[in-house]
Amino acid sequence: MTKRERVLAALARKPVDRPPVSFWRHVPDVDHTAAGLAEAMLAFQRRWDLDVIKLMSSGVYCVEDWGCKVAYAGAPSGAKQCTEHAVKTAADWARIRPLDPGAGALGRELEALRLVVRGRADDVPVLHTLFSPLTIARKLAGDRLAGDLETRPAEVAGALEAITLTMVRYAAAALTAGADGLFFATQMGSAEVMSEADKARFGLPYARRVLESAGEGTAFTLLHVHGTRIYFDQLAALPVRAVNWHDRLTAPALGLAQRRFGGAVVGGLDEWATLRDGPVAAIAAEAGDAMRQTGGVGIMVAPGCVLPLDVPDAHLEAVVKAVKGWKP
């Protein structure tokens, strides 16, 4: 099977020659330019020959154009952070207006996407990373978001409208630029950061609008739910074809999730423990367990989130070898 055939079969829970495998890592030293990010993604793909390329834009690219100052401060994940938030007071929510999806940092990432699509050697699907509107609001405001949701909900809701409109346009622009699908990430899908009521009011409706807008334009929308104690069932009901979460750290396990979600499950690897620390035998066993839980059908073997920068190559080789050596 080609990579695209394998991935589409996994999404549809059809038989595969082997499960797809992928993993992704930030490149904070070069992701500030389209050319630097694209070449890093293509080099990573040449090295590992994965079944999906996830464009590893900085996790805060989406708020630069609204005025957030961003920098890499040495996080072991390679993630950049906002060093100065755009929303410092409740009144600042009114300053969040719709953006041009082809300009600024958003346009920079689209150019990186075009370069990756043009530079790939085969039909490997390329996913562009978008964040849910509520996640973007959290990046814009930092810790003050929670208080403003309680005391100034109308102001936050107005900003969420502008963010959602921007992301609807940006999703369309990403697909036009050649993305095969979207990696749609929420960092606000956990009981640790948000009540179920607030998730239902401020999270799900806006996320659904972005995902529904992509519609038939994407063959592959992968939802990533960050954190533990996640609202799996509510989020998995969004119009997505695959779900990725920290399945080694929080319920549900992959096999159980397959009984609660009709698409593909993406995970099986604990990136901060087994993948990082080894040994190789434990990594191969973890990948094997993920495939046994699912029968190798309707799964892509992957980490629960981004790889730490210091995961040894030998550990990644163990993952690739275990998955590519699987027999149905």
Protein backbone atom coordinates (compact mmCIF):
# COMPACT_ATOMS: atom_id res chain seq x y z
CA MET A 1 0.00 0.00 0.00
CA THR A 2 1.11 3.58 -0.51
CA LYS A 3 1.21 5.87 2.50
CA ARG A 4 -1.98 7.63 1.49
CA GLU A 5 -3.78 4.35 0.84
CA ARG A 6 -2.65 3.01 4.22
CA VAL A 7 -3.78 6.10 6.11
CA LEU A 8 -7.17 6.30 4.38
CA ALA A 9 -7.76 2.60 5.07
CA ALA A 10 -6.93 3.12 8.73
CA LEU A 11 -9.34 6.05 8.95
CA ALA A 12 -12.08 3.86 7.49
CA ARG A 13 -11.13 0.88 9.68
CA LYS A 14 -10.36 -1.24 6.66
CA PRO A 15 -7.61 -3.87 6.46
CA VAL A 16 -4.06 -2.56 6.04
CA ASP A 17 -0.74 -4.16 5.19
CA ARG A 18 0.43 -2.68 8.49
CA PRO A 19 -0.77 0.21 10.67
CA PRO A 20 0.43 3.71 9.78
CA VAL A 21 3.09 5.20 12.05
CA SER A 22 4.05 8.81 12.68
CA PHE A 23 5.60 11.11 15.26
CA TRP A 24 6.44 14.79 15.31
CA ARG A 25 8.98 17.10 16.93
CA HIS A 26 9.34 20.88 17.26
CA VAL A 27 12.25 22.70 15.61
CA PRO A 28 12.44 25.96 17.59
CA ASP A 29 15.77 26.98 16.12
CA VAL A 30 14.44 27.21 12.55
CA ASP A 31 10.63 27.48 12.71
CA HIS A 32 10.62 31.28 12.49
CA THR A 33 11.00 31.13 8.69
CA ALA A 34 8.96 29.24 6.14
CA ALA A 35 12.04 27.85 4.42
CA GLY A 36 13.65 26.76 7.68
CA LEU A 37 10.54 25.00 8.94
CA ALA A 38 9.86 23.31 5.60
CA GLU A 39 13.38 21.96 5.19
CA ALA A 40 13.36 20.63 8.76
CA MET A 41 10.08 18.83 8.11
CA LEU A 42 11.33 17.34 4.86
CA ALA A 43 14.62 16.26 6.42
CA PHE A 44 12.73 14.58 9.29
CA GLN A 45 10.56 12.75 6.77
CA ARG A 46 13.56 11.65 4.72
CA ARG A 47 15.12 10.28 7.89
CA TRP A 48 12.10 8.36 9.20
CA ASP A 49 9.85 7.66 6.18
CA LEU A 50 6.66 8.16 8.21
CA ASP A 51 3.10 7.69 6.99
CA VAL A 52 1.98 11.23 7.90
CA ILE A 53 3.85 14.54 7.98
CA LYS A 54 2.55 16.90 10.65
CA LEU A 55 3.77 20.43 9.94
CA MET A 56 5.43 21.41 13.22
CA SER A 57 4.71 25.10 13.33
CA SER A 58 5.46 26.85 16.59
CA GLY A 59 2.57 26.29 18.98
CA VAL A 60 2.07 30.05 19.24
CA TYR A 61 2.24 31.01 15.57
CA CYS A 62 -1.54 31.45 15.68
CA VAL A 63 -1.41 34.44 18.06
CA GLU A 64 1.56 36.38 16.71
CA ASP A 65 -0.59 38.44 14.34
CA TRP A 66 -2.85 39.54 17.21
CA GLY A 67 0.12 40.99 19.02
CA CYS A 68 1.54 38.24 21.23
CA LYS A 69 5.32 38.31 21.61
CA VAL A 70 6.74 34.78 21.36
CA ALA A 71 10.08 33.13 22.09
CA TYR A 72 11.68 29.80 22.83
CA ALA A 73 12.67 29.63 26.49
CA GLY A 74 14.25 26.20 26.56
CA ALA A 75 11.23 23.94 27.10
CA PRO A 76 12.29 20.28 26.69
CA SER A 77 9.38 19.81 24.28
CA GLY A 78 10.80 22.51 22.00
CA ALA A 79 7.60 24.54 22.34
CA LYS A 80 7.74 28.31 22.15
CA GLN A 81 5.62 30.41 24.48
CA CYS A 82 4.03 33.83 24.67
CA THR A 83 6.36 36.14 26.54
CA GLU A 84 3.84 38.97 26.30
CA HIS A 85 0.13 38.36 25.89
CA ALA A 86 -2.04 40.38 23.52
CA VAL A 87 -4.95 40.39 25.99
CA LYS A 88 -3.80 42.03 29.21
CA THR A 89 -7.14 43.49 30.34
CA ALA A 90 -10.77 42.57 29.76
CA ALA A 91 -11.07 45.53 27.40
CA ASP A 92 -8.41 44.01 25.14
CA TRP A 93 -10.78 41.25 23.98
CA ALA A 94 -12.47 43.87 21.79
CA ARG A 95 -9.17 44.33 19.93
CA ILE A 96 -9.30 40.76 18.63
CA ARG A 97 -10.62 41.20 15.10
CA PRO A 98 -10.60 38.78 12.14
CA LEU A 99 -7.23 38.38 10.43
CA ASP A 100 -6.16 37.96 6.82
CA PRO A 101 -5.28 34.23 6.67
CA GLY A 102 -2.64 34.82 4.02
CA ALA A 103 -0.68 37.54 5.81
CA GLY A 104 1.79 37.72 8.67
CA ALA A 105 2.63 34.61 10.69
CA LEU A 106 -0.40 32.80 9.28
CA GLY A 107 0.84 33.39 5.76
CA ARG A 108 4.36 32.33 6.74
CA GLU A 109 3.08 28.92 7.86
CA LEU A 110 1.07 28.52 4.65
CA GLU A 111 4.24 29.09 2.66
CA ALA A 112 6.03 26.44 4.73
CA LEU A 113 3.14 24.11 3.99
CA ARG A 114 3.39 24.75 0.25
CA LEU A 115 7.12 24.00 0.36
CA VAL A 116 6.58 20.73 2.21
CA VAL A 117 3.83 19.62 -0.15
CA ARG A 118 6.03 20.38 -3.16
CA GLY A 119 9.08 18.78 -1.59
CA ARG A 120 7.66 15.45 -0.40
CA ALA A 121 8.91 12.44 -2.30
CA ASP A 122 5.67 10.43 -2.48
CA ASP A 123 1.99 10.58 -1.56
CA VAL A 124 2.54 10.91 2.20
CA PRO A 125 -0.35 12.98 3.63
CA VAL A 126 0.60 16.38 5.06
CA LEU A 127 -1.40 17.83 7.96
CA HIS A 128 -1.37 21.50 8.89
CA THR A 129 -1.79 22.31 12.59
CA LEU A 130 -4.69 24.50 13.65
CA PHE A 131 -5.76 25.21 17.22
CA SER A 132 -9.29 25.38 18.51
CA PRO A 133 -10.66 28.91 19.01
CA LEU A 134 -10.80 28.53 22.79
CA THR A 135 -7.19 27.28 22.83
CA ILE A 136 -6.17 30.36 20.86
CA ALA A 137 -8.04 32.55 23.36
CA ARG A 138 -6.02 30.92 26.14
CA LYS A 139 -2.78 31.64 24.29
CA LEU A 140 -3.86 35.26 23.76
CA ALA A 141 -4.72 35.91 27.40
CA GLY A 142 -2.88 33.36 29.48
CA ASP A 143 -4.18 32.73 32.97
CA ARG A 144 -6.67 35.59 32.88
CA LEU A 145 -8.93 33.71 30.45
CA ALA A 146 -10.57 31.67 33.22
CA GLY A 147 -11.56 34.75 35.19
CA ASP A 148 -12.81 36.59 32.13
CA LEU A 149 -14.97 33.63 31.11
CA GLU A 150 -16.68 33.96 34.48
CA THR A 151 -16.92 37.74 34.80
CA ARG A 152 -16.75 39.03 31.21
CA PRO A 153 -18.23 36.24 29.08
CA ALA A 154 -19.68 38.57 26.45
CA GLU A 155 -16.30 40.15 25.74
CA VAL A 156 -14.62 36.75 25.44
CA ALA A 157 -17.42 35.48 23.22
CA GLY A 158 -16.94 38.42 20.88
CA ALA A 159 -13.27 37.58 20.53
CA LEU A 160 -14.11 33.92 19.99
CA GLU A 161 -16.29 34.93 17.05
CA ALA A 162 -13.37 36.77 15.45
CA ILE A 163 -10.99 33.90 16.16
CA THR A 164 -13.43 31.37 14.74
CA LEU A 165 -13.97 33.35 11.55
CA THR A 166 -10.20 33.62 11.14
CA MET A 167 -9.72 29.87 11.64
CA VAL A 168 -12.53 29.03 9.22
CA ARG A 169 -10.77 31.10 6.58
CA TYR A 170 -7.40 29.70 7.56
CA ALA A 171 -8.55 26.09 7.32
CA ALA A 172 -9.75 26.77 3.79
CA ALA A 173 -6.46 28.48 2.93
CA ALA A 174 -4.47 25.51 4.28
CA LEU A 175 -6.41 23.06 2.15
CA THR A 176 -5.98 25.28 -0.89
CA ALA A 177 -2.24 25.39 -0.17
CA GLY A 178 -2.11 21.61 -0.45
CA ALA A 179 -2.72 20.21 3.02
CA ASP A 180 -4.33 16.77 2.91
CA GLY A 181 -5.98 17.50 6.21
CA LEU A 182 -5.84 19.28 9.54
CA PHE A 183 -4.25 18.44 12.86
CA PHE A 184 -6.82 20.24 15.04
CA ALA A 185 -5.49 20.67 18.57
CA THR A 186 -7.29 21.63 21.74
CA GLN A 187 -5.52 22.37 24.99
CA MET A 188 -8.86 23.16 26.63
CA GLY A 189 -10.46 19.72 26.53
CA SER A 190 -9.57 18.59 30.04
CA ALA A 191 -11.35 18.79 33.38
CA GLU A 192 -8.05 20.06 34.76
CA VAL A 193 -8.44 23.36 32.92
CA MET A 194 -12.16 23.78 32.27
CA SER A 195 -15.55 22.72 33.60
CA GLU A 196 -17.79 20.61 31.41
CA ALA A 197 -20.34 23.44 31.30
CA ASP A 198 -17.78 25.99 30.10
CA LYS A 199 -16.47 23.48 27.57
CA ALA A 200 -19.99 23.07 26.19
CA ARG A 201 -20.57 26.82 26.05
CA PHE A 202 -17.23 28.28 24.99
CA GLY A 203 -15.33 25.37 23.49
CA LEU A 204 -17.35 22.90 21.47
CA PRO A 205 -19.58 25.22 19.39
CA TYR A 206 -16.68 27.26 18.04
CA ALA A 207 -14.53 24.20 17.39
CA ARG A 208 -17.41 22.56 15.54
CA ARG A 209 -17.82 25.56 13.26
CA VAL A 210 -14.19 25.41 12.18
CA LEU A 211 -14.28 21.66 11.60
CA GLU A 212 -17.58 21.72 9.75
CA SER A 213 -16.28 24.48 7.49
CA ALA A 214 -13.48 22.18 6.32
CA GLY A 215 -16.12 19.61 5.40
CA GLU A 216 -15.40 17.56 2.32
CA GLY A 217 -12.31 19.64 1.56
CA THR A 218 -10.17 17.41 3.78
CA ALA A 219 -9.70 13.67 3.68
CA PHE A 220 -8.10 13.60 7.11
CA THR A 221 -8.93 15.69 10.17
CA LEU A 222 -7.08 14.53 13.27
CA LEU A 223 -8.22 15.91 16.62
CA HIS A 224 -5.56 16.17 19.32
CA VAL A 225 -6.83 16.49 22.89
CA HIS A 226 -4.15 17.66 25.28
CA GLY A 227 -3.95 16.80 28.95
CA THR A 228 -5.48 14.29 31.33
CA ARG A 229 -9.08 13.77 32.53
CA ILE A 230 -10.18 14.68 29.03
CA TYR A 231 -13.76 15.06 27.78
CA PHE A 232 -13.24 12.28 25.28
CA ASP A 233 -16.81 11.49 24.29
CA GLN A 234 -17.87 15.10 23.84
CA LEU A 235 -14.80 15.92 21.75
CA ALA A 236 -14.86 12.71 19.73
CA ALA A 237 -18.39 13.65 18.65
CA LEU A 238 -16.94 16.54 16.64
CA PRO A 239 -16.70 15.99 12.84
CA VAL A 240 -13.23 14.43 12.84
CA ARG A 241 -11.89 11.17 11.43
CA ALA A 242 -9.18 10.44 13.98
CA VAL A 243 -8.43 11.29 17.61
CA ASN A 244 -5.06 11.54 19.35
CA TRP A 245 -4.64 11.91 23.12
CA HIS A 246 -2.29 10.88 25.92
CA ASP A 247 -3.74 7.37 26.00
CA ARG A 248 -0.90 6.04 28.18
CA LEU A 249 -1.65 8.68 30.82
CA THR A 250 -5.42 9.11 30.80
CA ALA A 251 -8.56 7.18 29.92
CA PRO A 252 -9.76 5.80 27.62
CA ALA A 253 -7.32 3.14 26.47
CA LEU A 254 -7.05 2.69 22.72
CA GLY A 255 -9.14 -0.48 22.57
CA LEU A 256 -11.95 1.02 24.63
CA ALA A 257 -11.85 4.25 22.62
CA GLN A 258 -12.47 2.27 19.44
CA ARG A 259 -15.81 1.18 20.88
CA ARG A 260 -16.75 4.81 21.59
CA PHE A 261 -15.53 6.48 18.40
CA GLY A 262 -16.11 5.49 14.80
CA GLY A 263 -12.87 6.71 13.26
CA ALA A 264 -9.21 5.93 13.82
CA VAL A 265 -7.38 6.17 17.13
CA VAL A 266 -3.91 7.67 17.09
CA GLY A 267 -1.48 6.90 19.87
CA GLY A 268 -0.05 4.06 21.90
CA LEU A 269 3.34 5.59 22.78
CA ASP A 270 4.24 7.39 26.02
CA GLU A 271 6.55 10.10 24.74
CA TRP A 272 7.74 11.40 28.14
CA ALA A 273 8.48 8.04 29.73
CA THR A 274 8.88 4.93 27.58
CA LEU A 275 9.88 6.70 24.36
CA ARG A 276 12.27 9.05 26.11
CA ASP A 277 13.81 6.67 28.63
CA GLY A 278 13.62 3.28 26.92
CA PRO A 279 14.81 0.63 26.92
CA VAL A 280 14.30 -0.32 23.28
CA ALA A 281 12.54 -3.54 24.26
CA ALA A 282 9.96 -1.59 26.28
CA ILE A 283 9.32 0.76 23.35
CA ALA A 284 8.76 -2.14 20.96
CA ALA A 285 6.46 -3.76 23.52
CA GLU A 286 4.42 -0.56 23.89
CA ALA A 287 3.96 -0.27 20.14
CA GLY A 288 3.03 -3.95 19.98
CA ASP A 289 0.49 -3.54 22.75
CA ALA A 290 -1.16 -0.64 20.87
CA MET A 291 -1.53 -2.81 17.79
CA ARG A 292 -2.84 -5.76 19.81
CA GLN A 293 -5.46 -3.59 21.54
CA THR A 294 -6.87 -2.60 18.16
CA GLY A 295 -6.06 -5.63 16.07
CA GLY A 296 -3.92 -3.34 13.93
CA VAL A 297 -7.06 -1.90 12.32
CA GLY A 298 -8.25 1.68 12.70
CA ILE A 299 -5.06 2.81 14.40
CA MET A 300 -2.05 4.97 13.67
CA VAL A 301 0.79 4.29 16.10
CA ALA A 302 2.04 7.63 17.42
CA PRO A 303 2.94 9.47 20.61
CA GLY A 304 0.30 11.13 22.74
CA CYS A 305 1.76 14.53 21.85
CA VAL A 306 4.95 16.13 20.55
CA LEU A 307 8.24 14.30 21.09
CA PRO A 308 10.67 15.71 23.63
CA LEU A 309 13.68 17.11 21.84
CA ASP A 310 16.02 14.58 23.44
CA VAL A 311 14.30 11.32 22.45
CA PRO A 312 17.19 9.23 21.07
CA ASP A 313 17.12 8.17 17.45
CA ALA A 314 17.53 4.55 18.53
CA HIS A 315 14.21 4.79 20.36
CA LEU A 316 12.44 6.13 17.29
CA GLU A 317 14.03 3.40 15.22
CA ALA A 318 12.50 0.87 17.62
CA VAL A 319 9.04 2.31 16.97
CA VAL A 320 9.42 2.24 13.20
CA LYS A 321 10.82 -1.28 13.24
CA ALA A 322 8.04 -2.59 15.47
CA VAL A 323 5.26 -1.12 13.37
CA LYS A 324 6.72 -1.84 9.94
CA GLY A 325 7.40 -5.39 11.04
CA TRP A 326 3.80 -6.01 12.10
CA LYS A 327 1.93 -8.78 10.32
CA PRO A 328 -1.89 -8.93 10.18
